[in-house]
Each structure stands twice: as structure tokens, then as C-alpha cells.
Amino acid sequence: MTFRKNNTIGFTSDDPLDKTPICFKGRKGQREVLMTVQNWQEKLRALVDQLLEKEKPS
């Protein structure tokens, strides 16, 4: 089944995600533990927002 253009049923969001992922290397074992945290991606995005706000140049 192919994806139809102008599909209105698929995923939509008022706060869309960037197409380019943010990648970094964590410490050994962090990935496995992170995968067990419920809703970890959304929580990590919130932490990144906090960090960027705190480190924002004046």
C-alpha cells in the first residue's frame, strides 16, 4: 500500500518535529536504561528546551 499525497488522516501536530535528529553518544548502559523510561523522548525534548533556555545568550 502506498502513501497517498495530501493525506489528512495521518500524524499531525501543532508542534512539529525537525526532520534532522539530534544525535549524541551517551555513557555505557544509558541507552538501555533510557529505553525503559516511559515517554522518554518527550521528557528529553523538555530537558533540551530547559537547557537551551538556561544557556541562551543575553
Foldseek 3Di string as FASTA:
>chain_A
DDDDPPDPPDDDDPDDDDPDDDDDDDDPPPVVVLVVDPPSVVVVVVVVVVVCVVPPDD
